Amino acid sequence: MSASSLSCSACDAVCCRLTVVLQPDDGIPLHLTTHTEAGLHVMARDEEGWCVAIDAARMCCSIYGTRPQVCRRFAMAGPYCREIREDYADRNTRGIPLAMY
């Protein structure tokens, strides 16, 4: 898949299933966070593994404007994006399409 054919509007939001390690200055509300067994402060995930900041009614990130720094650095169609999309596609035949704004 070429970088030019990738967009967040036509994605299963695979990046929203990654572990998002928070930085002290991210300022994410505590009810959206948790701590791993290793003690890392991370974005919480729901029972299916999706980031709890996803607004299911609007199918987008509910905190996009104030999202964590690691999410801001995640480059759409960048090498890591393409890698996790390919890995996800290899393991899943059905996705949950989300529109990320």
PDB file of N, CA and C in Angstrom:
ATOM      1  N   MET A   1       0.851  -1.175   0.000  1.00  0.00           N
ATOM      2  CA  MET A   1       0.000   0.000   0.000  1.00  0.00           C
ATOM      3  C   MET A   1       0.893   1.232   0.000  1.00  0.00           C
ATOM      4  N   SER A   2       0.640   2.142  -0.909  1.00  0.00           N
ATOM      5  CA  SER A   2       1.469   3.336  -0.996  1.00  0.00           C
ATOM      6  C   SER A   2       1.052   4.342   0.063  1.00  0.00           C
ATOM      7  N   ALA A   3       2.004   5.176   0.458  1.00  0.00           N
ATOM      8  CA  ALA A   3       1.730   6.207   1.456  1.00  0.00           C
ATOM      9  C   ALA A   3       0.625   7.145   0.997  1.00  0.00           C
ATOM     10  N   SER A   4       0.570   7.421  -0.294  1.00  0.00           N
ATOM     11  CA  SER A   4      -0.443   8.344  -0.803  1.00  0.00           C
ATOM     12  C   SER A   4      -1.849   7.772  -0.735  1.00  0.00           C
ATOM     13  N   SER A   5      -1.991   6.446  -0.644  1.00  0.00           N
ATOM     14  CA  SER A   5      -3.321   5.840  -0.581  1.00  0.00           C
ATOM     15  C   SER A   5      -3.813   5.652   0.848  1.00  0.00           C
ATOM     16  N   LEU A   6      -3.018   6.032   1.839  1.00  0.00           N
ATOM     17  CA  LEU A   6      -3.413   5.889   3.229  1.00  0.00           C
ATOM     18  C   LEU A   6      -3.987   7.191   3.767  1.00  0.00           C
ATOM     19  N   SER A   7      -5.061   7.068   4.532  1.00  0.00           N
ATOM     20  CA  SER A   7      -5.612   8.236   5.216  1.00  0.00           C
ATOM     21  C   SER A   7      -6.318   7.760   6.470  1.00  0.00           C
ATOM     22  N   CYS A   8      -6.415   8.632   7.443  1.00  0.00           N
ATOM     23  CA  CYS A   8      -7.098   8.282   8.686  1.00  0.00           C
ATOM     24  C   CYS A   8      -8.595   8.096   8.467  1.00  0.00           C
ATOM     25  N   SER A   9      -9.158   8.756   7.458  1.00  0.00           N
ATOM     26  CA  SER A   9     -10.596   8.653   7.224  1.00  0.00           C
ATOM     27  C   SER A   9     -11.006   7.301   6.652  1.00  0.00           C
ATOM     28  N   ALA A  10     -10.039   6.523   6.177  1.00  0.00           N
ATOM     29  CA  ALA A  10     -10.333   5.202   5.630  1.00  0.00           C
ATOM     30  C   ALA A  10      -9.497   4.156   6.353  1.00  0.00           C
ATOM     31  N   CYS A  11      -9.543   4.196   7.682  1.00  0.00           N
ATOM     32  CA  CYS A  11      -8.696   3.315   8.487  1.00  0.00           C
ATOM     33  C   CYS A  11      -9.513   2.651   9.584  1.00  0.00           C
ATOM     34  N   ASP A  12      -9.056   1.513  10.027  1.00  0.00           N
ATOM     35  CA  ASP A  12      -9.672   0.828  11.162  1.00  0.00           C
ATOM     36  C   ASP A  12      -9.144   1.360  12.485  1.00  0.00           C
ATOM     37  N   ALA A  13      -8.466   2.499  12.474  1.00  0.00           N
ATOM     38  CA  ALA A  13      -7.936   3.150  13.678  1.00  0.00           C
ATOM     39  C   ALA A  13      -7.019   2.214  14.465  1.00  0.00           C
ATOM     40  N   VAL A  14      -6.179   1.518  13.744  1.00  0.00           N
ATOM     41  CA  VAL A  14      -5.266   0.567  14.364  1.00  0.00           C
ATOM     42  C   VAL A  14      -4.394   1.252  15.418  1.00  0.00           C
ATOM     43  N   CYS A  15      -4.004   2.489  15.157  1.00  0.00           N
ATOM     44  CA  CYS A  15      -3.164   3.213  16.119  1.00  0.00           C
ATOM     45  C   CYS A  15      -3.891   3.406  17.447  1.00  0.00           C
ATOM     46  N   CYS A  16      -5.208   3.362  17.446  1.00  0.00           N
ATOM     47  CA  CYS A  16      -5.990   3.534  18.674  1.00  0.00           C
ATOM     48  C   CYS A  16      -6.035   2.262  19.516  1.00  0.00           C
ATOM     49  N   ARG A  17      -5.298   1.246  19.092  1.00  0.00           N
ATOM     50  CA  ARG A  17      -5.168   0.020  19.878  1.00  0.00           C
ATOM     51  C   ARG A  17      -3.754  -0.128  20.445  1.00  0.00           C
ATOM     52  N   LEU A  18      -2.894   0.827  20.135  1.00  0.00           N
ATOM     53  CA  LEU A  18      -1.522   0.773  20.640  1.00  0.00           C
ATOM     54  C   LEU A  18      -1.464   1.269  22.079  1.00  0.00           C
ATOM     55  N   THR A  19      -0.448   0.846  22.808  1.00  0.00           N
ATOM     56  CA  THR A  19      -0.227   1.368  24.152  1.00  0.00           C
ATOM     57  C   THR A  19       0.316   2.776  24.035  1.00  0.00           C
ATOM     58  N   VAL A  20      -0.377   3.716  24.639  1.00  0.00           N
ATOM     59  CA  VAL A  20       0.018   5.120  24.594  1.00  0.00           C
ATOM     60  C   VAL A  20       0.575   5.498  25.960  1.00  0.00           C
ATOM     61  N   VAL A  21       1.897   5.601  26.044  1.00  0.00           N
ATOM     62  CA  VAL A  21       2.557   5.990  27.290  1.00  0.00           C
ATOM     63  C   VAL A  21       2.461   7.504  27.408  1.00  0.00           C
ATOM     64  N   LEU A  22       1.937   7.960  28.530  1.00  0.00           N
ATOM     65  CA  LEU A  22       1.714   9.385  28.746  1.00  0.00           C
ATOM     66  C   LEU A  22       2.932  10.064  29.361  1.00  0.00           C
ATOM     67  N   GLN A  23       3.102  11.319  28.993  1.00  0.00           N
ATOM     68  CA  GLN A  23       4.145  12.163  29.560  1.00  0.00           C
ATOM     69  C   GLN A  23       3.497  13.032  30.639  1.00  0.00           C
ATOM     70  N   PRO A  24       4.263  13.446  31.637  1.00  0.00           N
ATOM     71  CA  PRO A  24       3.685  14.241  32.735  1.00  0.00           C
ATOM     72  C   PRO A  24       2.939  15.491  32.271  1.00  0.00           C
ATOM     73  N   ASP A  25       3.374  16.114  31.186  1.00  0.00           N
ATOM     74  CA  ASP A  25       2.727  17.347  30.734  1.00  0.00           C
ATOM     75  C   ASP A  25       1.602  17.113  29.727  1.00  0.00           C
ATOM     76  N   ASP A  26       1.185  15.867  29.497  1.00  0.00           N
ATOM     77  CA  ASP A  26       0.097  15.602  28.558  1.00  0.00           C
ATOM     78  C   ASP A  26      -1.242  16.129  29.075  1.00  0.00           C
ATOM     79  N   GLY A  27      -1.445  16.132  30.376  1.00  0.00           N
ATOM     80  CA  GLY A  27      -2.667  16.689  30.940  1.00  0.00           C
ATOM     81  C   GLY A  27      -3.938  15.944  30.592  1.00  0.00           C
ATOM     82  N   ILE A  28      -3.857  14.645  30.419  1.00  0.00           N
ATOM     83  CA  ILE A  28      -5.031  13.825  30.096  1.00  0.00           C
ATOM     84  C   ILE A  28      -5.839  13.589  31.375  1.00  0.00           C
ATOM     85  N   PRO A  29      -7.165  13.757  31.330  1.00  0.00           N
ATOM     86  CA  PRO A  29      -7.978  13.503  32.527  1.00  0.00           C
ATOM     87  C   PRO A  29      -7.735  12.090  33.069  1.00  0.00           C
ATOM     88  N   LEU A  30      -7.625  11.990  34.365  1.00  0.00           N
ATOM     89  CA  LEU A  30      -7.284  10.714  35.000  1.00  0.00           C
ATOM     90  C   LEU A  30      -8.281   9.598  34.696  1.00  0.00           C
ATOM     91  N   HIS A  31      -9.544   9.924  34.474  1.00  0.00           N
ATOM     92  CA  HIS A  31     -10.529   8.865  34.198  1.00  0.00           C
ATOM     93  C   HIS A  31     -10.288   8.192  32.838  1.00  0.00           C
ATOM     94  N   LEU A  32      -9.419   8.766  32.010  1.00  0.00           N
ATOM     95  CA  LEU A  32      -9.077   8.166  30.716  1.00  0.00           C
ATOM     96  C   LEU A  32      -7.746   7.429  30.763  1.00  0.00           C
ATOM     97  N   THR A  33      -7.152   7.329  31.932  1.00  0.00           N
ATOM     98  CA  THR A  33      -5.818   6.744  32.050  1.00  0.00           C
ATOM     99  C   THR A  33      -5.796   5.575  33.022  1.00  0.00           C
ATOM    100  N   THR A  34      -4.695   4.852  32.985  1.00  0.00           N
ATOM    101  CA  THR A  34      -4.463   3.745  33.906  1.00  0.00           C
ATOM    102  C   THR A  34      -2.958   3.568  34.036  1.00  0.00           C
ATOM    103  N   HIS A  35      -2.555   2.609  34.833  1.00  0.00           N
ATOM    104  CA  HIS A  35      -1.141   2.274  34.983  1.00  0.00           C
ATOM    105  C   HIS A  35      -0.942   0.804  34.616  1.00  0.00           C
ATOM    106  N   THR A  36       0.133   0.518  33.902  1.00  0.00           N
ATOM    107  CA  THR A  36       0.448  -0.869  33.547  1.00  0.00           C
ATOM    108  C   THR A  36       1.046  -1.574  34.752  1.00  0.00           C
ATOM    109  N   GLU A  37       1.196  -2.882  34.635  1.00  0.00           N
ATOM    110  CA  GLU A  37       1.842  -3.650  35.705  1.00  0.00           C
ATOM    111  C   GLU A  37       3.264  -3.170  35.944  1.00  0.00           C
ATOM    112  N   ALA A  38       3.886  -2.628  34.907  1.00  0.00           N
ATOM    113  CA  ALA A  38       5.250  -2.110  35.020  1.00  0.00           C
ATOM    114  C   ALA A  38       5.274  -0.696  35.608  1.00  0.00           C
ATOM    115  N   GLY A  39       4.087  -0.123  35.861  1.00  0.00           N
ATOM    116  CA  GLY A  39       4.016   1.189  36.476  1.00  0.00           C
ATOM    117  C   GLY A  39       3.962   2.361  35.506  1.00  0.00           C
ATOM    118  N   LEU A  40       3.829   2.080  34.206  1.00  0.00           N
ATOM    119  CA  LEU A  40       3.750   3.166  33.226  1.00  0.00           C
ATOM    120  C   LEU A  40       2.355   3.790  33.240  1.00  0.00           C
ATOM    121  N   HIS A  41       2.286   5.101  33.155  1.00  0.00           N
ATOM    122  CA  HIS A  41       1.016   5.817  33.070  1.00  0.00           C
ATOM    123  C   HIS A  41       0.618   5.839  31.595  1.00  0.00           C
ATOM    124  N   VAL A  42      -0.514   5.239  31.259  1.00  0.00           N
ATOM    125  CA  VAL A  42      -0.931   5.060  29.868  1.00  0.00           C
ATOM    126  C   VAL A  42      -2.396   5.441  29.684  1.00  0.00           C
ATOM    127  N   MET A  43      -2.775   5.613  28.416  1.00  0.00           N
ATOM    128  CA  MET A  43      -4.192   5.777  28.095  1.00  0.00           C
ATOM    129  C   MET A  43      -4.874   4.442  28.392  1.00  0.00           C
ATOM    130  N   ALA A  44      -6.046   4.504  29.003  1.00  0.00           N
ATOM    131  CA  ALA A  44      -6.810   3.294  29.289  1.00  0.00           C
ATOM    132  C   ALA A  44      -7.422   2.768  27.987  1.00  0.00           C
ATOM    133  N   ARG A  45      -7.731   1.476  27.997  1.00  0.00           N
ATOM    134  CA  ARG A  45      -8.377   0.844  26.850  1.00  0.00           C
ATOM    135  C   ARG A  45      -9.637   0.135  27.323  1.00  0.00           C
ATOM    136  N   ASP A  46     -10.587   0.001  26.403  1.00  0.00           N
ATOM    137  CA  ASP A  46     -11.833  -0.681  26.754  1.00  0.00           C
ATOM    138  C   ASP A  46     -11.643  -2.196  26.715  1.00  0.00           C
ATOM    139  N   GLU A  47     -12.727  -2.925  26.910  1.00  0.00           N
ATOM    140  CA  GLU A  47     -12.670  -4.391  26.964  1.00  0.00           C
ATOM    141  C   GLU A  47     -12.160  -5.009  25.669  1.00  0.00           C
ATOM    142  N   GLU A  48     -12.328  -4.316  24.549  1.00  0.00           N
ATOM    143  CA  GLU A  48     -11.903  -4.840  23.257  1.00  0.00           C
ATOM    144  C   GLU A  48     -10.523  -4.335  22.845  1.00  0.00           C
ATOM    145  N   GLY A  49      -9.900  -3.538  23.701  1.00  0.00           N
ATOM    146  CA  GLY A  49      -8.548  -3.067  23.430  1.00  0.00           C
ATOM    147  C   GLY A  49      -8.440  -1.709  22.768  1.00  0.00           C
ATOM    148  N   TRP A  50      -9.569  -1.024  22.556  1.00  0.00           N
ATOM    149  CA  TRP A  50      -9.557   0.295  21.917  1.00  0.00           C
ATOM    150  C   TRP A  50      -9.343   1.383  22.961  1.00  0.00           C
ATOM    151  N   CYS A  51      -8.677   2.441  22.578  1.00  0.00           N
ATOM    152  CA  CYS A  51      -8.459   3.587  23.451  1.00  0.00           C
ATOM    153  C   CYS A  51      -9.811   4.107  23.940  1.00  0.00           C
ATOM    154  N   VAL A  52      -9.900   4.414  25.243  1.00  0.00           N
ATOM    155  CA  VAL A  52     -11.165   4.891  25.802  1.00  0.00           C
ATOM    156  C   VAL A  52     -11.517   6.307  25.357  1.00  0.00           C
ATOM    157  N   ALA A  53     -10.607   6.998  24.717  1.00  0.00           N
ATOM    158  CA  ALA A  53     -10.905   8.354  24.239  1.00  0.00           C
ATOM    159  C   ALA A  53     -11.678   8.344  22.925  1.00  0.00           C
ATOM    160  N   ILE A  54     -11.885   7.191  22.329  1.00  0.00           N
ATOM    161  CA  ILE A  54     -12.664   7.132  21.089  1.00  0.00           C
ATOM    162  C   ILE A  54     -14.122   7.414  21.419  1.00  0.00           C
ATOM    163  N   ASP A  55     -14.700   8.347  20.695  1.00  0.00           N
ATOM    164  CA  ASP A  55     -16.113   8.686  20.815  1.00  0.00           C
ATOM    165  C   ASP A  55     -16.863   7.789  19.831  1.00  0.00           C
ATOM    166  N   ALA A  56     -17.490   6.748  20.341  1.00  0.00           N
ATOM    167  CA  ALA A  56     -18.155   5.769  19.472  1.00  0.00           C
ATOM    168  C   ALA A  56     -19.336   6.365  18.720  1.00  0.00           C
ATOM    169  N   ALA A  57     -19.992   7.353  19.286  1.00  0.00           N
ATOM    170  CA  ALA A  57     -21.148   7.962  18.616  1.00  0.00           C
ATOM    171  C   ALA A  57     -20.722   8.759  17.385  1.00  0.00           C
ATOM    172  N   ARG A  58     -19.597   9.457  17.484  1.00  0.00           N
ATOM    173  CA  ARG A  58     -19.116  10.266  16.363  1.00  0.00           C
ATOM    174  C   ARG A  58     -18.017   9.571  15.576  1.00  0.00           C
ATOM    175  N   MET A  59     -17.544   8.431  16.081  1.00  0.00           N
ATOM    176  CA  MET A  59     -16.495   7.643  15.441  1.00  0.00           C
ATOM    177  C   MET A  59     -15.222   8.459  15.226  1.00  0.00           C
ATOM    178  N   CYS A  60     -14.762   9.105  16.296  1.00  0.00           N
ATOM    179  CA  CYS A  60     -13.532   9.876  16.232  1.00  0.00           C
ATOM    180  C   CYS A  60     -12.939  10.001  17.632  1.00  0.00           C
ATOM    181  N   CYS A  61     -11.761  10.561  17.723  1.00  0.00           N
ATOM    182  CA  CYS A  61     -11.097  10.770  19.003  1.00  0.00           C
ATOM    183  C   CYS A  61     -11.778  11.921  19.737  1.00  0.00           C
ATOM    184  N   SER A  62     -12.213  11.670  20.962  1.00  0.00           N
ATOM    185  CA  SER A  62     -12.932  12.686  21.728  1.00  0.00           C
ATOM    186  C   SER A  62     -12.011  13.756  22.310  1.00  0.00           C
ATOM    187  N   ILE A  63     -10.697  13.494  22.323  1.00  0.00           N
ATOM    188  CA  ILE A  63      -9.741  14.462  22.872  1.00  0.00           C
ATOM    189  C   ILE A  63      -8.694  14.855  21.832  1.00  0.00           C
ATOM    190  N   TYR A  64      -9.061  14.783  20.573  1.00  0.00           N
ATOM    191  CA  TYR A  64      -8.103  14.996  19.491  1.00  0.00           C
ATOM    192  C   TYR A  64      -7.311  16.294  19.664  1.00  0.00           C
ATOM    193  N   GLY A  65      -7.956  17.372  20.016  1.00  0.00           N
ATOM    194  CA  GLY A  65      -7.279  18.653  20.177  1.00  0.00           C
ATOM    195  C   GLY A  65      -6.296  18.697  21.328  1.00  0.00           C
ATOM    196  N   THR A  66      -6.487  17.816  22.301  1.00  0.00           N
ATOM    197  CA  THR A  66      -5.596  17.771  23.465  1.00  0.00           C
ATOM    198  C   THR A  66      -4.993  16.384  23.644  1.00  0.00           C
ATOM    199  N   ARG A  67      -4.907  15.632  22.558  1.00  0.00           N
ATOM    200  CA  ARG A  67      -4.395  14.258  22.630  1.00  0.00           C
ATOM    201  C   ARG A  67      -2.947  14.241  23.126  1.00  0.00           C
ATOM    202  N   PRO A  68      -2.495  13.076  23.630  1.00  0.00           N
ATOM    203  CA  PRO A  68      -1.120  12.949  24.140  1.00  0.00           C
ATOM    204  C   PRO A  68      -0.076  13.246  23.064  1.00  0.00           C
ATOM    205  N   GLN A  69       1.092  13.646  23.508  1.00  0.00           N
ATOM    206  CA  GLN A  69       2.188  13.967  22.594  1.00  0.00           C
ATOM    207  C   GLN A  69       2.533  12.794  21.684  1.00  0.00           C
ATOM    208  N   VAL A  70       2.527  11.570  22.210  1.00  0.00           N
ATOM    209  CA  VAL A  70       2.875  10.419  21.370  1.00  0.00           C
ATOM    210  C   VAL A  70       1.868  10.258  20.233  1.00  0.00           C
ATOM    211  N   CYS A  71       0.610  10.571  20.477  1.00  0.00           N
ATOM    212  CA  CYS A  71      -0.401  10.512  19.417  1.00  0.00           C
ATOM    213  C   CYS A  71      -0.161  11.616  18.387  1.00  0.00           C
ATOM    214  N   ARG A  72       0.274  12.771  18.855  1.00  0.00           N
ATOM    215  CA  ARG A  72       0.563  13.884  17.941  1.00  0.00           C
ATOM    216  C   ARG A  72       1.742  13.560  17.027  1.00  0.00           C
ATOM    217  N   ARG A  73       2.677  12.768  17.522  1.00  0.00           N
ATOM    218  CA  ARG A  73       3.860  12.429  16.728  1.00  0.00           C
ATOM    219  C   ARG A  73       3.631  11.251  15.785  1.00  0.00           C
ATOM    220  N   PHE A  74       2.534  10.543  15.942  1.00  0.00           N
ATOM    221  CA  PHE A  74       2.243   9.398  15.088  1.00  0.00           C
ATOM    222  C   PHE A  74       1.909   9.908  13.699  1.00  0.00           C
ATOM    223  N   ALA A  75       2.745   9.621  12.735  1.00  0.00           N
ATOM    224  CA  ALA A  75       2.592  10.164  11.384  1.00  0.00           C
ATOM    225  C   ALA A  75       1.712   9.277  10.519  1.00  0.00           C
ATOM    226  N   MET A  76       0.579   9.831  10.089  1.00  0.00           N
ATOM    227  CA  MET A  76      -0.281   9.112   9.167  1.00  0.00           C
ATOM    228  C   MET A  76       0.514   8.758   7.914  1.00  0.00           C
ATOM    229  N   ALA A  77       0.453   7.499   7.528  1.00  0.00           N
ATOM    230  CA  ALA A  77       1.135   6.956   6.350  1.00  0.00           C
ATOM    231  C   ALA A  77       2.639   6.889   6.521  1.00  0.00           C
ATOM    232  N   GLY A  78       3.131   7.155   7.727  1.00  0.00           N
ATOM    233  CA  GLY A  78       4.559   7.011   7.991  1.00  0.00           C
ATOM    234  C   GLY A  78       4.927   5.538   8.074  1.00  0.00           C
ATOM    235  N   PRO A  79       6.209   5.238   8.194  1.00  0.00           N
ATOM    236  CA  PRO A  79       6.649   3.835   8.230  1.00  0.00           C
ATOM    237  C   PRO A  79       5.980   3.017   9.343  1.00  0.00           C
ATOM    238  N   TYR A  80       5.853   3.590  10.545  1.00  0.00           N
ATOM    239  CA  TYR A  80       5.247   2.839  11.652  1.00  0.00           C
ATOM    240  C   TYR A  80       3.755   2.626  11.402  1.00  0.00           C
ATOM    241  N   CYS A  81       3.080   3.627  10.876  1.00  0.00           N
ATOM    242  CA  CYS A  81       1.662   3.507  10.525  1.00  0.00           C
ATOM    243  C   CYS A  81       1.460   2.364   9.532  1.00  0.00           C
ATOM    244  N   ARG A  82       2.247   2.360   8.465  1.00  0.00           N
ATOM    245  CA  ARG A  82       2.116   1.307   7.449  1.00  0.00           C
ATOM    246  C   ARG A  82       2.407  -0.063   8.043  1.00  0.00           C
ATOM    247  N   GLU A  83       3.413  -0.147   8.912  1.00  0.00           N
ATOM    248  CA  GLU A  83       3.786  -1.427   9.525  1.00  0.00           C
ATOM    249  C   GLU A  83       2.656  -1.979  10.386  1.00  0.00           C
ATOM    250  N   ILE A  84       2.066  -1.145  11.236  1.00  0.00           N
ATOM    251  CA  ILE A  84       1.009  -1.676  12.104  1.00  0.00           C
ATOM    252  C   ILE A  84      -0.263  -1.960  11.323  1.00  0.00           C
ATOM    253  N   ARG A  85      -0.536  -1.202  10.259  1.00  0.00           N
ATOM    254  CA  ARG A  85      -1.694  -1.496   9.412  1.00  0.00           C
ATOM    255  C   ARG A  85      -1.529  -2.853   8.739  1.00  0.00           C
ATOM    256  N   GLU A  86      -0.343  -3.113   8.208  1.00  0.00           N
ATOM    257  CA  GLU A  86      -0.092  -4.388   7.534  1.00  0.00           C
ATOM    258  C   GLU A  86      -0.193  -5.555   8.512  1.00  0.00           C
ATOM    259  N   ASP A  87       0.385  -5.382   9.701  1.00  0.00           N
ATOM    260  CA  ASP A  87       0.326  -6.430  10.716  1.00  0.00           C
ATOM    261  C   ASP A  87      -1.123  -6.693  11.121  1.00  0.00           C
ATOM    262  N   TYR A  88      -1.888  -5.634  11.307  1.00  0.00           N
ATOM    263  CA  TYR A  88      -3.298  -5.758  11.676  1.00  0.00           C
ATOM    264  C   TYR A  88      -4.085  -6.461  10.571  1.00  0.00           C
ATOM    265  N   ALA A  89      -3.851  -6.068   9.328  1.00  0.00           N
ATOM    266  CA  ALA A  89      -4.557  -6.677   8.191  1.00  0.00           C
ATOM    267  C   ALA A  89      -4.243  -8.162   8.086  1.00  0.00           C
ATOM    268  N   ASP A  90      -3.007  -8.548   8.389  1.00  0.00           N
ATOM    269  CA  ASP A  90      -2.616  -9.953   8.335  1.00  0.00           C
ATOM    270  C   ASP A  90      -3.343 -10.782   9.391  1.00  0.00           C
ATOM    271  N   ARG A  91      -3.682 -10.162  10.521  1.00  0.00           N
ATOM    272  CA  ARG A  91      -4.296 -10.888  11.630  1.00  0.00           C
ATOM    273  C   ARG A  91      -5.810 -10.757  11.693  1.00  0.00           C
ATOM    274  N   ASN A  92      -6.392  -9.818  10.946  1.00  0.00           N
ATOM    275  CA  ASN A  92      -7.822  -9.551  11.058  1.00  0.00           C
ATOM    276  C   ASN A  92      -8.477  -9.500   9.684  1.00  0.00           C
ATOM    277  N   THR A  93      -9.633 -10.111   9.607  1.00  0.00           N
ATOM    278  CA  THR A  93     -10.382 -10.040   8.365  1.00  0.00           C
ATOM    279  C   THR A  93     -11.506  -9.022   8.465  1.00  0.00           C
ATOM    280  N   ARG A  94     -11.846  -8.612   9.676  1.00  0.00           N
ATOM    281  CA  ARG A  94     -12.918  -7.644   9.897  1.00  0.00           C
ATOM    282  C   ARG A  94     -12.405  -6.543  10.814  1.00  0.00           C
ATOM    283  N   GLY A  95     -12.585  -5.337  10.424  1.00  0.00           N
ATOM    284  CA  GLY A  95     -12.144  -4.214  11.243  1.00  0.00           C
ATOM    285  C   GLY A  95     -13.307  -3.349  11.683  1.00  0.00           C
ATOM    286  N   ILE A  96     -12.987  -2.346  12.419  1.00  0.00           N
ATOM    287  CA  ILE A  96     -13.973  -1.376  12.858  1.00  0.00           C
ATOM    288  C   ILE A  96     -13.565  -0.049  12.244  1.00  0.00           C
ATOM    289  N   PRO A  97     -14.178   0.338  11.114  1.00  0.00           N
ATOM    290  CA  PRO A  97     -13.766   1.586  10.471  1.00  0.00           C
ATOM    291  C   PRO A  97     -14.152   2.798  11.302  1.00  0.00           C
ATOM    292  N   LEU A  98     -13.187   3.643  11.547  1.00  0.00           N
ATOM    293  CA  LEU A  98     -13.410   4.879  12.301  1.00  0.00           C
ATOM    294  C   LEU A  98     -12.889   6.041  11.475  1.00  0.00           C
ATOM    295  N   ALA A  99     -13.518   7.189  11.651  1.00  0.00           N
ATOM    296  CA  ALA A  99     -13.034   8.398  10.993  1.00  0.00           C
ATOM    297  C   ALA A  99     -12.339   9.243  12.047  1.00  0.00           C
ATOM    298  N   MET A 100     -11.076   9.490  11.862  1.00  0.00           N
ATOM    299  CA  MET A 100     -10.321  10.290  12.813  1.00  0.00           C
ATOM    300  C   MET A 100     -10.186  11.699  12.259  1.00  0.00           C
ATOM    301  N   TYR A 101     -10.576  12.703  13.013  1.00  0.00           N
ATOM    302  CA  TYR A 101     -10.534  14.100  12.544  1.00  0.00           C
ATOM    303  C   TYR A 101      -9.371  14.812  13.161  1.00  0.00           C
TER     304      TYR A 101
END
